[in-house]
N, C-alpha and C. Protein backbone atom coordinates (compact mmCIF):
# COMPACT_ATOMS: atom_id res chain seq x y z
N MET A 1 0.84 -1.19 0.00
CA MET A 1 0.00 0.00 0.00
C MET A 1 0.88 1.25 0.00
N HIS A 2 0.39 2.26 -0.55
CA HIS A 2 1.04 3.55 -0.70
C HIS A 2 0.99 4.33 0.62
N LEU A 3 1.95 5.21 0.82
CA LEU A 3 1.97 6.10 1.98
C LEU A 3 1.65 7.51 1.50
N ASP A 4 0.61 8.11 2.06
CA ASP A 4 0.26 9.49 1.76
C ASP A 4 1.00 10.40 2.73
N ILE A 5 1.55 11.49 2.21
CA ILE A 5 2.31 12.44 3.01
C ILE A 5 1.74 13.82 2.78
N GLU A 6 1.38 14.50 3.87
CA GLU A 6 0.86 15.86 3.77
C GLU A 6 1.56 16.73 4.81
N THR A 7 2.04 17.89 4.37
CA THR A 7 2.68 18.84 5.28
C THR A 7 1.71 19.97 5.57
N VAL A 8 1.59 20.33 6.85
CA VAL A 8 0.66 21.36 7.29
C VAL A 8 1.44 22.43 8.04
N GLY A 9 1.33 23.68 7.60
CA GLY A 9 1.96 24.79 8.30
C GLY A 9 3.32 25.15 7.74
N THR A 10 3.80 26.28 8.19
CA THR A 10 5.12 26.76 7.81
C THR A 10 5.75 27.40 9.03
N GLY A 11 7.03 27.71 8.92
CA GLY A 11 7.70 28.39 10.02
C GLY A 11 8.40 27.43 10.95
N ASN A 12 8.48 27.84 12.21
CA ASN A 12 9.23 27.10 13.23
C ASN A 12 8.55 25.78 13.63
N GLN A 13 7.21 25.77 13.67
CA GLN A 13 6.47 24.57 14.05
C GLN A 13 5.59 24.13 12.89
N VAL A 14 5.81 22.92 12.42
CA VAL A 14 5.02 22.37 11.32
C VAL A 14 4.59 20.96 11.65
N SER A 15 3.61 20.48 10.92
CA SER A 15 3.14 19.11 11.07
C SER A 15 3.24 18.39 9.75
N MET A 16 3.56 17.11 9.83
CA MET A 16 3.51 16.24 8.67
C MET A 16 2.58 15.09 9.05
N VAL A 17 1.66 14.79 8.16
CA VAL A 17 0.68 13.73 8.40
C VAL A 17 0.99 12.58 7.45
N LEU A 18 1.13 11.39 8.00
CA LEU A 18 1.36 10.19 7.20
C LEU A 18 0.14 9.29 7.30
N ALA A 19 -0.17 8.59 6.20
CA ALA A 19 -1.28 7.64 6.19
C ALA A 19 -0.91 6.47 5.29
N GLY A 20 -0.98 5.26 5.83
CA GLY A 20 -0.65 4.05 5.07
C GLY A 20 0.46 3.27 5.72
N ARG A 21 1.28 2.62 4.89
CA ARG A 21 2.41 1.81 5.37
C ARG A 21 3.70 2.61 5.26
N PHE A 22 4.41 2.72 6.38
CA PHE A 22 5.69 3.43 6.41
C PHE A 22 6.78 2.36 6.46
N ASP A 23 7.24 1.95 5.27
CA ASP A 23 8.23 0.89 5.19
C ASP A 23 9.39 1.33 4.29
N ALA A 24 10.26 0.38 3.98
CA ALA A 24 11.46 0.69 3.20
C ALA A 24 11.13 1.32 1.85
N HIS A 25 10.00 0.97 1.28
CA HIS A 25 9.61 1.52 -0.03
C HIS A 25 9.22 2.99 0.06
N GLU A 26 8.84 3.46 1.23
CA GLU A 26 8.36 4.83 1.40
C GLU A 26 9.30 5.69 2.24
N ALA A 27 10.43 5.13 2.65
CA ALA A 27 11.33 5.84 3.57
C ALA A 27 11.95 7.08 2.93
N ASP A 28 12.39 6.98 1.70
CA ASP A 28 13.08 8.12 1.07
C ASP A 28 12.21 9.37 0.97
N PRO A 29 10.96 9.27 0.52
CA PRO A 29 10.15 10.50 0.46
C PRO A 29 9.90 11.13 1.84
N VAL A 30 9.75 10.29 2.87
CA VAL A 30 9.53 10.82 4.22
C VAL A 30 10.81 11.50 4.72
N LEU A 31 11.94 10.84 4.56
CA LEU A 31 13.22 11.42 4.99
C LEU A 31 13.49 12.73 4.25
N THR A 32 13.28 12.73 2.95
CA THR A 32 13.49 13.95 2.16
C THR A 32 12.58 15.07 2.63
N GLY A 33 11.31 14.75 2.86
CA GLY A 33 10.35 15.77 3.30
C GLY A 33 10.68 16.34 4.67
N LEU A 34 11.03 15.47 5.60
CA LEU A 34 11.36 15.93 6.95
C LEU A 34 12.65 16.75 6.95
N ASN A 35 13.65 16.30 6.21
CA ASN A 35 14.89 17.07 6.12
C ASN A 35 14.66 18.42 5.45
N ARG A 36 13.79 18.47 4.46
CA ARG A 36 13.47 19.73 3.80
C ARG A 36 12.83 20.70 4.80
N LEU A 37 11.95 20.19 5.65
CA LEU A 37 11.34 21.05 6.67
C LEU A 37 12.41 21.63 7.59
N LEU A 38 13.35 20.80 8.03
CA LEU A 38 14.43 21.28 8.89
C LEU A 38 15.31 22.29 8.15
N ASP A 39 15.61 22.01 6.89
CA ASP A 39 16.42 22.92 6.08
C ASP A 39 15.75 24.28 5.91
N ASN A 40 14.41 24.28 5.91
CA ASN A 40 13.65 25.52 5.72
C ASN A 40 13.32 26.23 7.02
N GLY A 41 13.91 25.78 8.14
CA GLY A 41 13.77 26.50 9.39
C GLY A 41 12.82 25.91 10.41
N ALA A 42 12.14 24.84 10.08
CA ALA A 42 11.28 24.19 11.08
C ALA A 42 12.18 23.61 12.17
N ARG A 43 11.80 23.78 13.40
CA ARG A 43 12.57 23.22 14.50
C ARG A 43 11.75 22.23 15.32
N ILE A 44 10.45 22.42 15.37
CA ILE A 44 9.56 21.46 16.03
C ILE A 44 8.65 20.90 14.94
N ILE A 45 8.80 19.60 14.69
CA ILE A 45 7.99 18.95 13.67
C ILE A 45 7.09 17.94 14.37
N GLY A 46 5.80 18.09 14.19
CA GLY A 46 4.84 17.12 14.69
C GLY A 46 4.55 16.12 13.58
N LEU A 47 4.86 14.86 13.81
CA LEU A 47 4.63 13.82 12.81
C LEU A 47 3.41 13.02 13.23
N ASP A 48 2.30 13.27 12.54
CA ASP A 48 1.02 12.63 12.85
C ASP A 48 1.04 11.20 12.29
N LEU A 49 0.95 10.23 13.18
CA LEU A 49 1.04 8.82 12.81
C LEU A 49 -0.26 8.06 13.07
N GLN A 50 -1.36 8.77 13.28
CA GLN A 50 -2.59 8.06 13.64
C GLN A 50 -3.15 7.20 12.52
N LYS A 51 -2.78 7.48 11.26
CA LYS A 51 -3.29 6.68 10.13
C LYS A 51 -2.21 5.80 9.52
N VAL A 52 -1.11 5.60 10.26
CA VAL A 52 -0.06 4.69 9.79
C VAL A 52 -0.39 3.31 10.33
N GLU A 53 -0.60 2.37 9.42
CA GLU A 53 -1.02 1.04 9.84
C GLU A 53 0.14 0.08 10.05
N PHE A 54 1.35 0.46 9.59
CA PHE A 54 2.51 -0.41 9.71
C PHE A 54 3.76 0.44 9.62
N ILE A 55 4.77 0.11 10.42
CA ILE A 55 6.08 0.73 10.31
C ILE A 55 7.13 -0.36 10.47
N ASP A 56 8.16 -0.32 9.61
CA ASP A 56 9.22 -1.31 9.72
C ASP A 56 10.50 -0.67 10.25
N SER A 57 11.57 -1.45 10.29
CA SER A 57 12.82 -0.95 10.87
C SER A 57 13.39 0.22 10.07
N THR A 58 13.15 0.25 8.77
CA THR A 58 13.63 1.38 7.96
C THR A 58 12.87 2.65 8.33
N GLY A 59 11.58 2.54 8.54
CA GLY A 59 10.78 3.69 8.98
C GLY A 59 11.25 4.18 10.34
N LEU A 60 11.52 3.27 11.25
CA LEU A 60 12.02 3.65 12.57
C LEU A 60 13.38 4.34 12.47
N ALA A 61 14.22 3.85 11.56
CA ALA A 61 15.54 4.46 11.38
C ALA A 61 15.39 5.89 10.86
N VAL A 62 14.44 6.12 9.96
CA VAL A 62 14.20 7.48 9.45
C VAL A 62 13.79 8.39 10.60
N LEU A 63 12.86 7.93 11.42
CA LEU A 63 12.40 8.74 12.55
C LEU A 63 13.55 9.07 13.49
N THR A 64 14.38 8.10 13.77
CA THR A 64 15.50 8.30 14.68
C THR A 64 16.51 9.29 14.11
N ARG A 65 16.83 9.16 12.83
CA ARG A 65 17.78 10.09 12.19
C ARG A 65 17.26 11.52 12.23
N VAL A 66 15.98 11.68 11.90
CA VAL A 66 15.42 13.03 11.87
C VAL A 66 15.32 13.61 13.29
N MET A 67 14.95 12.78 14.26
CA MET A 67 14.89 13.25 15.64
C MET A 67 16.26 13.76 16.08
N LYS A 68 17.31 12.99 15.80
CA LYS A 68 18.67 13.39 16.19
C LYS A 68 19.07 14.69 15.51
N ARG A 69 18.78 14.81 14.23
CA ARG A 69 19.13 16.03 13.51
C ARG A 69 18.36 17.23 14.06
N ALA A 70 17.06 17.04 14.31
CA ALA A 70 16.24 18.14 14.85
C ALA A 70 16.78 18.58 16.20
N ARG A 71 17.16 17.64 17.04
CA ARG A 71 17.70 17.99 18.36
C ARG A 71 19.04 18.69 18.26
N GLU A 72 19.86 18.29 17.30
CA GLU A 72 21.13 18.98 17.07
C GLU A 72 20.91 20.44 16.68
N LEU A 73 19.77 20.71 16.02
CA LEU A 73 19.43 22.06 15.60
C LEU A 73 18.64 22.82 16.66
N GLY A 74 18.45 22.22 17.83
CA GLY A 74 17.73 22.87 18.92
C GLY A 74 16.24 22.65 18.90
N GLY A 75 15.78 21.69 18.12
CA GLY A 75 14.35 21.41 18.01
C GLY A 75 14.04 19.99 18.41
N ASP A 76 12.98 19.44 17.81
CA ASP A 76 12.61 18.06 18.10
C ASP A 76 11.63 17.55 17.06
N LEU A 77 11.56 16.24 16.96
CA LEU A 77 10.54 15.54 16.18
C LEU A 77 9.57 14.95 17.19
N VAL A 78 8.33 15.40 17.15
CA VAL A 78 7.30 14.96 18.09
C VAL A 78 6.38 14.00 17.35
N LEU A 79 6.22 12.79 17.89
CA LEU A 79 5.30 11.82 17.29
C LEU A 79 3.91 12.07 17.85
N VAL A 80 2.97 12.28 16.95
CA VAL A 80 1.62 12.66 17.36
C VAL A 80 0.65 11.51 17.06
N ALA A 81 -0.07 11.09 18.08
CA ALA A 81 -1.15 10.10 17.99
C ALA A 81 -0.77 8.85 17.21
N PRO A 82 0.32 8.17 17.58
CA PRO A 82 0.67 6.96 16.84
C PRO A 82 -0.44 5.92 16.95
N SER A 83 -0.74 5.27 15.84
CA SER A 83 -1.75 4.21 15.83
C SER A 83 -1.30 3.08 16.75
N THR A 84 -2.20 2.20 17.07
CA THR A 84 -1.87 1.08 17.96
C THR A 84 -0.72 0.23 17.41
N PRO A 85 -0.72 -0.16 16.13
CA PRO A 85 0.42 -0.95 15.64
C PRO A 85 1.76 -0.21 15.75
N VAL A 86 1.76 1.09 15.49
CA VAL A 86 2.99 1.87 15.58
C VAL A 86 3.41 2.00 17.04
N ARG A 87 2.46 2.25 17.93
CA ARG A 87 2.78 2.38 19.35
C ARG A 87 3.38 1.08 19.90
N VAL A 88 2.84 -0.06 19.48
CA VAL A 88 3.37 -1.35 19.93
C VAL A 88 4.82 -1.51 19.50
N ILE A 89 5.13 -1.17 18.25
CA ILE A 89 6.52 -1.27 17.77
C ILE A 89 7.43 -0.32 18.53
N LEU A 90 6.95 0.91 18.77
CA LEU A 90 7.76 1.87 19.54
C LEU A 90 8.05 1.33 20.94
N GLU A 91 7.07 0.70 21.56
CA GLU A 91 7.26 0.15 22.91
C GLU A 91 8.19 -1.06 22.88
N LEU A 92 8.02 -1.95 21.90
CA LEU A 92 8.86 -3.15 21.81
C LEU A 92 10.33 -2.80 21.57
N THR A 93 10.56 -1.71 20.87
CA THR A 93 11.94 -1.29 20.58
C THR A 93 12.46 -0.28 21.60
N ALA A 94 11.65 0.07 22.58
CA ALA A 94 11.97 1.06 23.61
C ALA A 94 12.16 2.47 23.03
N LEU A 95 11.76 2.67 21.79
CA LEU A 95 11.86 4.01 21.20
C LEU A 95 10.81 4.96 21.76
N ASP A 96 9.80 4.41 22.43
CA ASP A 96 8.82 5.28 23.08
C ASP A 96 9.47 6.11 24.19
N ARG A 97 10.62 5.67 24.66
CA ARG A 97 11.35 6.43 25.69
C ARG A 97 12.26 7.49 25.08
N ALA A 98 12.59 7.33 23.81
CA ALA A 98 13.49 8.27 23.14
C ALA A 98 12.75 9.45 22.53
N PHE A 99 11.52 9.21 22.06
CA PHE A 99 10.74 10.24 21.38
C PHE A 99 9.78 10.94 22.32
N VAL A 100 9.49 12.18 22.00
CA VAL A 100 8.36 12.88 22.63
C VAL A 100 7.13 12.41 21.87
N ILE A 101 6.13 11.91 22.60
CA ILE A 101 4.90 11.40 21.98
C ILE A 101 3.72 12.16 22.56
N ARG A 102 2.89 12.71 21.68
CA ARG A 102 1.66 13.40 22.07
C ARG A 102 0.47 12.60 21.56
N ASP A 103 -0.63 12.64 22.29
CA ASP A 103 -1.79 11.83 21.93
C ASP A 103 -2.84 12.55 21.10
N SER A 104 -2.70 13.84 20.89
CA SER A 104 -3.73 14.52 20.11
C SER A 104 -3.23 14.82 18.70
N GLY A 105 -4.18 15.29 17.87
CA GLY A 105 -3.94 15.48 16.44
C GLY A 105 -3.01 16.62 16.09
N PRO A 106 -2.91 16.91 14.78
CA PRO A 106 -1.91 17.86 14.29
C PRO A 106 -2.05 19.27 14.83
N GLY A 107 -3.20 19.64 15.33
CA GLY A 107 -3.36 21.00 15.85
C GLY A 107 -2.79 21.19 17.24
N VAL A 108 -2.27 20.13 17.86
CA VAL A 108 -1.77 20.20 19.23
C VAL A 108 -0.53 21.09 19.30
N PRO A 109 -0.41 21.88 20.38
CA PRO A 109 0.84 22.61 20.55
C PRO A 109 1.98 21.61 20.65
N LEU A 110 3.06 21.86 19.94
CA LEU A 110 4.13 20.88 19.84
C LEU A 110 5.32 21.17 20.73
N ASP A 111 5.21 22.17 21.58
CA ASP A 111 6.39 22.48 22.41
C ASP A 111 6.70 21.30 23.32
N ARG A 112 7.99 21.18 23.58
CA ARG A 112 8.46 20.04 24.38
C ARG A 112 8.12 20.32 25.81
């Protein structure tokens, strides 16, 4: 299945909404999009995962790389409303302790 990617907002705080399967086949467009947001001055990125039905190790690696880069720039990657399958993977890999996770949708204030 295809992964839909939508970016909402501009400036320092932006949101990206993903829907579908976030796997190795879809990793490059997500990584490119998130890095572009950081390159354009976004420092707090809310990544809405409520409609992501599957994430693999490549997807997790993308999230980790972008989180590290955002933090190096003084910002963060905030995971917003991860679906149950995504939340289970985050917990099994202990990445739920590494990321800031918010339970509400893209309109949520993203400050850490």
